[in-house]
Amino acid sequence: MGRENEYQELMTLLEPFEQTHLLAAWGKLSDEERSRLASQIRGLDLPLIARLFRDRNLPIDIRKLVERATSPRGVRLGADGGGVSTAESRQIGEDVLNRGEVAALLVAGGQGTRLGFPHPKGMFPIGPISGHSLFQIHVEKVLARSKKSGRRIPLAIMTSPATHQETVKFFREHSQFGLREDDLYVFCQGTMPSVDARTGRVLLASPGELALSPDGHGGMLAAIVRSGTLERLASRGIKYLFYFQVDNPLVDILSPLAIGYHVSLGSEMSTEVVAKETPFDRVGNVIEVDGRLYVVEYSDLPDDLAQKRSSDGGLLLWAGSIGVHIINVDFLFRMHQQSDALPYHLAYKKVPYYDPTRGVVKPEEPNAIKFERFIFDLIPHAKNSIVIEVNAAEHFAPLKNASGAERDTPEHVRSQMIALHRSWLEQNGVSVQDGVPVEISPLFAVEPNDLKGRFPIGSKVTEPTFFSQATKVSPIGQES
């Protein structure tokens, strides 16, 4: 197609939606820049963008929903669920893993910007002693569960355009951290354009490039189908996906207990939750309304409703989501056929943009709307969706902020990792001297029972120790 014809074709696409400003610098662009811009414009769903902007101020009555909310159904910590005991559920989960019916799904589209780390967040060295990256810790947990089950367990990773190439390179340079190449599936999520909050005009990042952002972790649904990853996993006999996010090194990946509850209670989508410490904890709130589970963002929850109490005096809305789900593959295929299954959420943000008269403008106040989808919006559509409560100290240490912040910093996360591994050792008769850091590689133990009988009586750790595959247990000090 000639350049003039291509320009006219693009103008024809843009004119009905008043977006022709995107071609203002067309005459000054190189052939490569024109090709990239044309491809990005053709990829826009202009009717959808117009509708989302038009409806941006429609009221969403969260209060009306939450006023009818009750505590979500599911399994409270330390209790049996639905008549199925903890031991029975764990056995069911182990059986499912032994049959090779579960894959791990890691959402890793985020960069470490807030950490002052200009790389994919999964590359961040979080191991308290080893310095191992989040990626390595997650992969080794998958490998450990694979060894226990006697089955190869595939790992699918969703990246974003900003993290994809560097993530692929990082895994290649580290030989997939021991994972077979044909057990690793890396796919990239989609994008949505940022639009001017006043006009709805799509913003340019540069004369020849749109201001695009990842479409949220809910973009997983479209991306895993579009990439063919879900079909390939299904062809391997995978029935369930264990979904988790990259920033939490404490996730009990492929937990047999959680999988067992999910399967035994006939759920299509289960979510792990922690009991909120205060009404205003910054986590999504899982609630039940008219037999369906929903997740309400902490920022959308009215204060008076957040503080409601149940008959036993505890918080009525006690369940905080930690972004860990077990999802049926068949359910994802079904939901992909429903275009409105995952609505877009709007966020007002400060987005740098290109202006033909001023160059690149860096706004001091929110100037743009970003559109994102959230995976938890699938929950109301799932049959028998349930929550599974876990102990926050053992399962939830999200890495969000740079050193110096109040919480969720590298120091905070490492201290939780050390405390957890210290408790595992002490459960197995090993004393750890006060103030001495310890770290356990998933390849050495993925749960405390893996340490049973591995240490001499009276073992004591008196110096920083990383327990890895190469660790010899016998030299650990013994009390006299």
Protein backbone atom coordinates (compact mmCIF):
# COMPACT_ATOMS: atom_id res chain seq x y z
CA MET A 1 0.00 0.00 0.00
CA GLY A 2 1.38 3.45 -0.92
CA ARG A 3 2.04 5.91 1.89
CA GLU A 4 -0.67 8.30 0.62
CA ASN A 5 -3.20 5.49 0.43
CA GLU A 6 -2.21 4.31 3.90
CA TYR A 7 -2.69 7.83 5.25
CA GLN A 8 -6.16 8.03 3.73
CA GLU A 9 -7.07 4.60 5.07
CA LEU A 10 -6.07 5.63 8.59
CA MET A 11 -7.91 8.95 8.30
CA THR A 12 -11.03 7.03 7.31
CA LEU A 13 -10.70 4.92 10.47
CA LEU A 14 -10.09 7.90 12.75
CA GLU A 15 -12.45 10.58 11.45
CA PRO A 16 -15.74 9.12 12.79
CA PHE A 17 -14.22 9.10 16.29
CA GLU A 18 -12.51 12.52 16.13
CA GLN A 19 -9.05 11.01 16.56
CA THR A 20 -7.36 12.39 13.43
CA HIS A 21 -4.84 14.30 15.57
CA LEU A 22 -2.92 11.02 15.79
CA LEU A 23 -1.69 11.65 12.23
CA ALA A 24 -0.64 15.28 12.75
CA ALA A 25 3.07 14.45 12.36
CA TRP A 26 2.64 11.80 9.65
CA GLY A 27 4.59 13.79 7.05
CA LYS A 28 7.64 14.04 9.33
CA LEU A 29 7.83 10.37 10.33
CA SER A 30 10.26 7.81 8.94
CA ASP A 31 8.92 4.74 7.17
CA GLU A 32 9.60 2.67 10.30
CA GLU A 33 7.77 5.16 12.53
CA ARG A 34 4.82 5.27 10.13
CA SER A 35 4.58 1.49 10.09
CA ARG A 36 4.58 1.31 13.88
CA LEU A 37 2.00 4.07 14.26
CA ALA A 38 -0.26 2.58 11.58
CA SER A 39 -0.10 -0.82 13.26
CA GLN A 40 -0.98 0.70 16.63
CA ILE A 41 -3.91 2.65 15.19
CA ARG A 42 -5.30 -0.40 13.42
CA GLY A 43 -5.11 -2.25 16.73
CA LEU A 44 -7.36 0.27 18.49
CA ASP A 45 -10.95 -0.65 19.27
CA LEU A 46 -12.18 2.87 18.57
CA PRO A 47 -15.90 2.19 19.23
CA LEU A 48 -15.00 0.67 22.61
CA ILE A 49 -12.76 3.60 23.55
CA ALA A 50 -15.51 6.05 22.58
CA ARG A 51 -18.08 4.16 24.66
CA LEU A 52 -15.83 3.90 27.70
CA PHE A 53 -15.14 7.63 27.63
CA ARG A 54 -18.79 8.48 27.05
CA ASP A 55 -19.86 6.36 30.03
CA ARG A 56 -16.99 7.43 32.30
CA ASN A 57 -19.23 9.32 34.71
CA LEU A 58 -22.07 6.83 34.93
CA PRO A 59 -22.68 6.16 38.61
CA ILE A 60 -21.63 2.77 39.95
CA ASP A 61 -23.60 2.18 43.12
CA ILE A 62 -21.11 0.16 45.15
CA ARG A 63 -22.98 1.10 48.31
CA LYS A 64 -26.17 -0.57 47.13
CA LEU A 65 -24.23 -3.78 46.43
CA VAL A 66 -22.25 -3.76 49.67
CA GLU A 67 -25.29 -2.96 51.83
CA ARG A 68 -26.59 -6.43 50.96
CA ALA A 69 -23.24 -8.15 51.42
CA THR A 70 -22.52 -11.02 53.76
CA SER A 71 -19.32 -12.84 54.62
CA PRO A 72 -18.20 -14.97 51.67
CA ARG A 73 -18.66 -18.71 51.66
CA GLY A 74 -15.59 -20.85 51.81
CA VAL A 75 -13.06 -22.30 54.21
CA ARG A 76 -11.85 -20.44 57.30
CA LEU A 77 -8.33 -21.03 58.53
CA GLY A 78 -7.96 -24.28 60.48
CA ALA A 79 -11.55 -25.36 59.81
CA ASP A 80 -13.01 -28.04 57.59
CA GLY A 81 -14.83 -26.80 54.54
CA GLY A 82 -18.14 -28.08 53.19
CA GLY A 83 -17.87 -31.29 55.17
CA VAL A 84 -14.44 -32.05 53.73
CA SER A 85 -11.62 -32.29 56.27
CA THR A 86 -8.23 -30.65 55.90
CA ALA A 87 -6.58 -34.05 55.47
CA GLU A 88 -9.11 -35.14 52.84
CA SER A 89 -8.73 -31.90 50.90
CA ARG A 90 -4.96 -32.15 50.89
CA GLN A 91 -5.13 -35.72 49.62
CA ILE A 92 -7.53 -34.70 46.86
CA GLY A 93 -5.15 -31.91 45.86
CA GLU A 94 -2.19 -34.25 45.81
CA ASP A 95 -4.12 -36.70 43.66
CA VAL A 96 -4.94 -33.94 41.16
CA LEU A 97 -1.27 -32.92 41.03
CA ASN A 98 -0.19 -36.54 40.68
CA ARG A 99 -2.46 -36.86 37.64
CA GLY A 100 -0.77 -33.85 36.02
CA GLU A 101 -3.93 -31.75 35.85
CA VAL A 102 -2.61 -28.45 37.21
CA ALA A 103 -0.40 -25.75 35.72
CA ALA A 104 1.01 -22.65 37.40
CA LEU A 105 0.17 -19.23 35.97
CA LEU A 106 2.40 -16.31 36.96
CA VAL A 107 1.31 -12.74 36.20
CA ALA A 108 4.52 -10.75 35.71
CA GLY A 109 3.74 -7.66 33.67
CA GLY A 110 4.90 -5.13 36.23
CA GLN A 111 8.14 -3.19 36.31
CA GLY A 112 10.04 -2.33 39.47
CA THR A 113 9.57 1.41 39.03
CA ARG A 114 8.33 2.06 42.56
CA LEU A 115 11.26 0.01 43.85
CA GLY A 116 13.77 2.11 41.96
CA PHE A 117 14.50 -1.03 39.94
CA PRO A 118 14.35 -0.36 36.15
CA HIS A 119 13.62 -3.95 35.16
CA PRO A 120 10.75 -6.46 35.34
CA LYS A 121 9.84 -6.82 39.00
CA GLY A 122 10.34 -10.59 38.80
CA MET A 123 14.07 -9.99 38.36
CA PHE A 124 14.34 -8.23 41.73
CA PRO A 125 16.83 -10.02 44.06
CA ILE A 126 14.65 -10.68 47.10
CA GLY A 127 16.31 -13.75 48.68
CA PRO A 128 17.46 -12.59 52.16
CA ILE A 129 20.75 -14.51 51.95
CA SER A 130 20.86 -16.04 48.46
CA GLY A 131 19.89 -12.87 46.62
CA HIS A 132 17.74 -15.04 44.37
CA SER A 133 15.19 -13.24 42.22
CA LEU A 134 11.45 -13.48 42.60
CA PHE A 135 11.42 -15.40 39.32
CA GLN A 136 13.89 -18.01 40.59
CA ILE A 137 12.01 -18.54 43.85
CA HIS A 138 8.70 -19.02 42.01
CA VAL A 139 10.16 -21.42 39.44
CA GLU A 140 11.86 -23.50 42.12
CA LYS A 141 8.55 -23.86 43.95
CA VAL A 142 7.02 -25.24 40.76
CA LEU A 143 9.95 -27.61 40.34
CA ALA A 144 9.64 -28.77 43.96
CA ARG A 145 5.94 -29.54 43.56
CA SER A 146 6.72 -31.28 40.28
CA LYS A 147 9.24 -33.52 42.02
CA LYS A 148 6.74 -34.36 44.77
CA SER A 149 4.00 -35.25 42.29
CA GLY A 150 6.25 -37.16 39.89
CA ARG A 151 4.77 -35.06 37.07
CA ARG A 152 6.14 -32.26 34.94
CA ILE A 153 4.16 -29.16 35.88
CA PRO A 154 4.08 -26.41 33.25
CA LEU A 155 4.51 -22.76 34.14
CA ALA A 156 2.82 -20.05 32.09
CA ILE A 157 4.02 -16.47 32.54
CA MET A 158 2.12 -13.40 31.39
CA THR A 159 4.38 -10.44 30.63
CA SER A 160 3.59 -6.96 29.34
CA PRO A 161 5.09 -5.16 26.34
CA ALA A 162 7.38 -3.34 28.78
CA THR A 163 8.71 -6.53 30.39
CA HIS A 164 8.40 -9.22 27.73
CA GLN A 165 11.76 -9.13 25.96
CA GLU A 166 13.81 -8.65 29.12
CA THR A 167 11.91 -11.44 30.89
CA VAL A 168 12.48 -13.87 28.02
CA LYS A 169 16.17 -12.96 27.94
CA PHE A 170 16.50 -13.34 31.73
CA PHE A 171 15.02 -16.83 31.68
CA ARG A 172 17.18 -17.85 28.74
CA GLU A 173 20.35 -16.59 30.46
CA HIS A 174 19.46 -18.64 33.55
CA SER A 175 18.44 -21.79 31.65
CA GLN A 176 14.84 -21.39 32.88
CA PHE A 177 16.17 -21.97 36.43
CA GLY A 178 16.01 -25.70 35.77
CA LEU A 179 12.58 -25.77 34.16
CA ARG A 180 12.41 -27.56 30.82
CA GLU A 181 11.95 -25.24 27.86
CA ASP A 182 8.82 -27.09 26.75
CA ASP A 183 7.29 -26.61 30.21
CA LEU A 184 7.59 -22.82 30.04
CA TYR A 185 4.95 -20.77 28.23
CA VAL A 186 5.55 -17.02 28.05
CA PHE A 187 2.84 -14.83 26.54
CA CYS A 188 2.28 -11.07 26.46
CA GLN A 189 -0.79 -9.21 27.63
CA GLY A 190 -2.52 -6.60 25.51
CA THR A 191 -2.58 -2.83 25.81
CA MET A 192 -5.09 -0.02 25.96
CA PRO A 193 -4.43 3.63 25.04
CA SER A 194 -4.48 6.44 27.55
CA VAL A 195 -6.97 9.16 26.63
CA ASP A 196 -7.18 12.82 27.58
CA ALA A 197 -9.49 13.07 30.59
CA ARG A 198 -11.28 16.16 29.20
CA THR A 199 -11.68 15.28 25.53
CA GLY A 200 -11.31 11.53 25.16
CA ARG A 201 -8.62 12.02 22.54
CA VAL A 202 -6.05 9.21 22.45
CA LEU A 203 -2.69 10.49 23.68
CA LEU A 204 0.58 10.20 21.81
CA ALA A 205 3.79 9.26 23.64
CA SER A 206 5.83 10.63 20.72
CA PRO A 207 4.99 11.85 17.20
CA GLY A 208 4.91 8.26 15.94
CA GLU A 209 3.76 6.26 18.94
CA LEU A 210 0.58 6.01 20.98
CA ALA A 211 0.61 6.27 24.77
CA LEU A 212 -0.23 2.65 25.53
CA SER A 213 -0.44 0.85 28.88
CA PRO A 214 -0.96 -2.82 29.84
CA ASP A 215 -4.64 -3.69 30.02
CA GLY A 216 -4.51 -4.96 33.62
CA HIS A 217 -4.15 -8.44 35.07
CA GLY A 218 -7.64 -9.13 33.72
CA GLY A 219 -6.05 -8.96 30.29
CA MET A 220 -4.85 -12.47 31.04
CA LEU A 221 -8.11 -13.95 29.77
CA ALA A 222 -7.80 -12.55 26.26
CA ALA A 223 -4.01 -12.95 26.12
CA ILE A 224 -3.84 -16.59 27.22
CA VAL A 225 -6.43 -17.54 24.60
CA ARG A 226 -5.09 -15.30 21.83
CA SER A 227 -1.55 -16.63 22.29
CA GLY A 228 -2.73 -20.23 22.06
CA THR A 229 -1.32 -20.93 25.53
CA LEU A 230 -4.61 -22.06 27.04
CA GLU A 231 -5.24 -24.46 24.17
CA ARG A 232 -1.74 -25.92 24.49
CA LEU A 233 -2.17 -26.41 28.23
CA ALA A 234 -5.56 -28.06 27.72
CA SER A 235 -4.02 -30.41 25.15
CA ARG A 236 -1.63 -31.56 27.91
CA GLY A 237 -4.57 -32.53 30.10
CA ILE A 238 -4.45 -29.41 32.27
CA LYS A 239 -7.80 -28.77 33.96
CA TYR A 240 -6.84 -26.17 36.57
CA LEU A 241 -4.60 -23.11 36.68
CA PHE A 242 -2.96 -21.94 39.90
CA TYR A 243 -2.82 -18.16 39.34
CA PHE A 244 -0.52 -15.87 41.34
CA GLN A 245 1.27 -12.54 41.06
CA VAL A 246 4.99 -11.98 40.78
CA ASP A 247 5.52 -9.68 43.74
CA ASN A 248 4.67 -12.16 46.53
CA PRO A 249 7.49 -14.64 47.33
CA LEU A 250 5.46 -16.33 50.07
CA VAL A 251 2.78 -17.78 47.79
CA ASP A 252 2.38 -21.51 48.41
CA ILE A 253 2.38 -22.22 44.70
CA LEU A 254 0.33 -25.28 43.69
CA SER A 255 -0.83 -25.76 47.28
CA PRO A 256 -2.38 -29.25 47.49
CA LEU A 257 -4.70 -28.09 50.26
CA ALA A 258 -6.10 -25.15 48.30
CA ILE A 259 -6.41 -27.24 45.13
CA GLY A 260 -8.17 -29.94 47.12
CA TYR A 261 -10.76 -27.54 48.51
CA HIS A 262 -11.32 -26.05 45.06
CA VAL A 263 -11.92 -29.46 43.49
CA SER A 264 -13.86 -31.09 46.33
CA LEU A 265 -16.27 -28.15 46.66
CA GLY A 266 -16.89 -28.01 42.92
CA SER A 267 -15.63 -24.47 42.43
CA GLU A 268 -14.83 -22.97 39.03
CA MET A 269 -12.80 -20.16 40.58
CA SER A 270 -11.47 -20.04 44.12
CA THR A 271 -9.51 -17.24 45.74
CA GLU A 272 -7.11 -17.24 48.66
CA VAL A 273 -7.82 -14.57 51.26
CA VAL A 274 -6.39 -13.32 54.54
CA ALA A 275 -8.37 -12.03 57.51
CA LYS A 276 -8.20 -8.24 57.48
CA GLU A 277 -6.47 -6.68 60.47
CA THR A 278 -8.49 -3.45 60.23
CA PRO A 279 -11.61 -2.38 58.30
CA PHE A 280 -9.42 -0.24 56.06
CA ASP A 281 -6.69 -2.67 55.00
CA ARG A 282 -5.54 -1.90 51.46
CA VAL A 283 -6.72 -5.17 49.91
CA GLY A 284 -9.67 -6.15 47.77
CA ASN A 285 -12.69 -7.16 49.84
CA VAL A 286 -14.33 -10.45 48.92
CA ILE A 287 -18.05 -10.31 49.68
CA GLU A 288 -21.10 -12.43 48.93
CA VAL A 289 -24.29 -10.92 47.53
CA ASP A 290 -27.28 -13.02 46.48
CA GLY A 291 -25.19 -16.17 46.27
CA ARG A 292 -22.39 -14.66 44.17
CA LEU A 293 -18.92 -13.60 45.25
CA TYR A 294 -17.55 -10.19 44.31
CA VAL A 295 -14.34 -8.30 44.99
CA VAL A 296 -14.71 -4.65 45.99
CA GLU A 297 -11.58 -2.51 45.95
CA TYR A 298 -10.67 -0.97 49.31
CA SER A 299 -10.88 2.49 47.73
CA ASP A 300 -14.51 1.86 46.70
CA LEU A 301 -15.71 0.53 50.06
CA PRO A 302 -17.69 3.11 52.07
CA ASP A 303 -16.17 3.61 55.52
CA ASP A 304 -19.34 2.84 57.46
CA LEU A 305 -19.86 -0.42 55.60
CA ALA A 306 -16.21 -1.41 55.98
CA GLN A 307 -16.70 -1.23 59.73
CA LYS A 308 -19.84 -3.40 59.91
CA ARG A 309 -19.65 -6.25 62.40
CA SER A 310 -21.09 -9.75 62.34
CA SER A 311 -22.97 -11.34 65.23
CA ASP A 312 -19.72 -12.66 66.74
CA GLY A 313 -18.20 -9.18 66.83
CA GLY A 314 -15.74 -9.73 64.00
CA LEU A 315 -15.66 -7.78 60.76
CA LEU A 316 -18.52 -8.74 58.46
CA LEU A 317 -16.33 -8.02 55.44
CA TRP A 318 -13.25 -9.80 56.76
CA ALA A 319 -11.84 -11.44 53.64
CA GLY A 320 -8.95 -9.65 51.93
CA SER A 321 -7.91 -10.95 48.52
CA ILE A 322 -4.19 -11.59 47.97
CA GLY A 323 -4.35 -12.16 44.21
CA VAL A 324 -4.06 -15.95 44.32
CA HIS A 325 -6.71 -17.97 42.47
CA ILE A 326 -7.42 -21.48 41.26
CA ILE A 327 -9.34 -21.38 38.00
CA ASN A 328 -10.86 -24.10 35.84
CA VAL A 329 -9.58 -24.15 32.26
CA ASP A 330 -13.07 -24.89 30.90
CA PHE A 331 -14.39 -21.85 32.76
CA LEU A 332 -11.81 -19.61 31.06
CA PHE A 333 -12.74 -20.95 27.64
CA ARG A 334 -16.40 -20.24 28.38
CA MET A 335 -15.76 -16.75 29.70
CA HIS A 336 -13.65 -15.85 26.68
CA GLN A 337 -16.79 -16.20 24.57
CA GLN A 338 -18.50 -13.49 26.64
CA SER A 339 -17.09 -10.15 25.57
CA ASP A 340 -18.54 -8.35 28.60
CA ALA A 341 -17.26 -10.87 31.18
CA LEU A 342 -14.53 -8.47 32.30
CA PRO A 343 -15.55 -4.79 32.41
CA TYR A 344 -12.97 -2.04 32.11
CA HIS A 345 -12.07 0.00 35.17
CA LEU A 346 -11.06 3.63 34.73
CA ALA A 347 -8.17 5.25 36.58
CA TYR A 348 -7.17 8.92 36.42
CA LYS A 349 -3.39 9.16 36.14
CA LYS A 350 -0.55 11.53 35.28
CA VAL A 351 0.49 10.42 31.78
CA PRO A 352 3.27 12.20 29.81
CA TYR A 353 2.16 12.97 26.26
CA TYR A 354 3.35 14.53 23.03
CA ASP A 355 1.91 17.87 21.95
CA PRO A 356 2.85 19.19 18.46
CA THR A 357 3.40 22.73 19.79
CA ARG A 358 5.06 21.91 23.13
CA GLY A 359 6.81 18.60 22.62
CA VAL A 360 6.58 16.00 25.38
CA VAL A 361 4.53 17.34 28.29
CA LYS A 362 4.93 15.93 31.81
CA PRO A 363 1.76 16.87 33.71
CA GLU A 364 1.80 17.73 37.41
CA GLU A 365 -1.81 16.64 37.95
CA PRO A 366 -3.80 13.64 36.63
CA ASN A 367 -4.58 14.40 33.02
CA ALA A 368 -5.53 11.09 31.49
CA ILE A 369 -7.72 8.04 31.84
CA LYS A 370 -6.23 4.56 31.75
CA PHE A 371 -8.39 1.50 31.14
CA GLU A 372 -7.72 -1.79 32.93
CA ARG A 373 -9.42 -5.12 33.46
CA PHE A 374 -9.16 -7.09 36.70
CA ILE A 375 -9.12 -10.86 36.88
CA PHE A 376 -11.27 -10.91 40.00
CA ASP A 377 -14.25 -9.68 37.95
CA LEU A 378 -14.53 -13.28 36.72
CA ILE A 379 -15.49 -14.47 40.21
CA PRO A 380 -19.22 -13.54 40.06
CA HIS A 381 -19.55 -15.61 36.88
CA ALA A 382 -18.04 -18.76 38.39
CA LYS A 383 -20.09 -21.63 39.73
CA ASN A 384 -19.54 -22.36 43.43
CA SER A 385 -16.83 -19.75 43.80
CA ILE A 386 -15.28 -19.90 47.27
CA VAL A 387 -12.65 -18.23 49.44
CA ILE A 388 -9.88 -20.17 51.14
CA GLU A 389 -8.40 -18.37 54.12
CA VAL A 390 -4.64 -18.53 54.65
CA ASN A 391 -2.33 -17.10 57.30
CA ALA A 392 -0.95 -13.76 56.09
CA ALA A 393 2.36 -14.26 57.91
CA GLU A 394 2.93 -17.47 55.97
CA HIS A 395 1.42 -16.61 52.59
CA PHE A 396 1.40 -12.87 51.88
CA ALA A 397 4.41 -10.53 51.65
CA PRO A 398 3.88 -8.31 48.60
CA LEU A 399 6.88 -6.35 47.37
CA LYS A 400 5.49 -2.94 46.44
CA ASN A 401 7.61 -0.08 47.74
CA ALA A 402 11.21 1.10 47.88
CA SER A 403 13.19 1.07 51.11
CA GLY A 404 12.02 3.72 53.53
CA ALA A 405 8.31 3.26 52.96
CA GLU A 406 6.06 2.23 55.83
CA ARG A 407 5.59 -1.34 54.61
CA ASP A 408 5.86 -3.76 51.66
CA THR A 409 9.52 -2.86 51.19
CA PRO A 410 12.37 -5.27 50.38
CA GLU A 411 13.36 -5.23 54.07
CA HIS A 412 9.82 -5.98 55.18
CA VAL A 413 9.46 -8.85 52.71
CA ARG A 414 12.83 -10.38 53.58
CA SER A 415 12.04 -10.26 57.29
CA GLN A 416 8.80 -12.17 56.63
CA MET A 417 10.69 -14.76 54.60
CA ILE A 418 13.25 -15.19 57.38
CA ALA A 419 10.53 -15.47 60.05
CA LEU A 420 8.67 -18.12 58.03
CA HIS A 421 11.76 -20.24 57.39
CA ARG A 422 12.85 -19.87 61.00
CA SER A 423 9.46 -21.23 62.09
CA TRP A 424 9.83 -24.21 59.73
CA LEU A 425 13.19 -25.07 61.27
CA GLU A 426 11.89 -24.70 64.83
CA GLN A 427 8.90 -26.92 64.03
CA ASN A 428 11.46 -29.57 63.15
CA GLY A 429 13.58 -29.28 66.26
CA VAL A 430 16.19 -26.86 64.99
CA SER A 431 16.82 -23.81 67.15
CA VAL A 432 17.93 -20.59 65.49
CA GLN A 433 19.97 -18.07 67.44
CA ASP A 434 18.21 -14.74 67.91
CA GLY A 435 18.93 -12.29 65.12
CA VAL A 436 20.45 -14.91 62.81
CA PRO A 437 18.86 -14.86 59.33
CA VAL A 438 17.95 -18.10 57.61
CA GLU A 439 16.60 -18.84 54.14
CA ILE A 440 15.34 -22.12 52.70
CA SER A 441 15.42 -22.78 48.99
CA PRO A 442 12.21 -24.37 47.67
CA LEU A 443 14.44 -27.10 46.27
CA PHE A 444 15.47 -27.94 49.85
CA ALA A 445 11.95 -27.69 51.30
CA VAL A 446 8.72 -26.25 49.97
CA GLU A 447 6.78 -26.80 53.20
CA PRO A 448 7.76 -27.56 56.83
CA ASN A 449 7.01 -31.29 56.57
CA ASP A 450 9.80 -31.58 54.00
CA LEU A 451 12.27 -30.97 56.84
CA LYS A 452 10.98 -33.79 59.02
CA GLY A 453 13.78 -36.08 60.20
CA ARG A 454 16.48 -34.25 58.26
CA PHE A 455 18.32 -32.70 61.22
CA PRO A 456 20.14 -34.29 64.15
CA ILE A 457 18.55 -33.82 67.57
CA GLY A 458 19.71 -30.58 69.16
CA SER A 459 20.68 -28.88 65.91
CA LYS A 460 21.24 -25.16 66.20
CA VAL A 461 21.85 -22.45 63.61
CA THR A 462 24.28 -19.82 64.86
CA GLU A 463 25.23 -18.01 61.66
CA PRO A 464 23.39 -16.85 58.52
CA THR A 465 22.49 -19.96 56.57
CA PHE A 466 20.94 -20.58 53.17
CA PHE A 467 19.60 -24.12 52.94
CA SER A 468 19.89 -25.23 49.33
CA GLN A 469 20.22 -28.47 47.42
CA ALA A 470 23.94 -28.36 48.15
CA THR A 471 23.49 -27.97 51.92
CA LYS A 472 24.89 -30.76 54.04
CA VAL A 473 22.79 -31.05 57.16
CA SER A 474 25.33 -32.74 59.41
CA PRO A 475 27.70 -29.78 59.94
CA ILE A 476 24.93 -27.70 61.54
CA GLY A 477 25.99 -27.03 65.12
CA GLN A 478 24.70 -29.18 67.94
CA GLU A 479 24.10 -27.98 71.44
CA SER A 480 26.41 -29.56 73.95
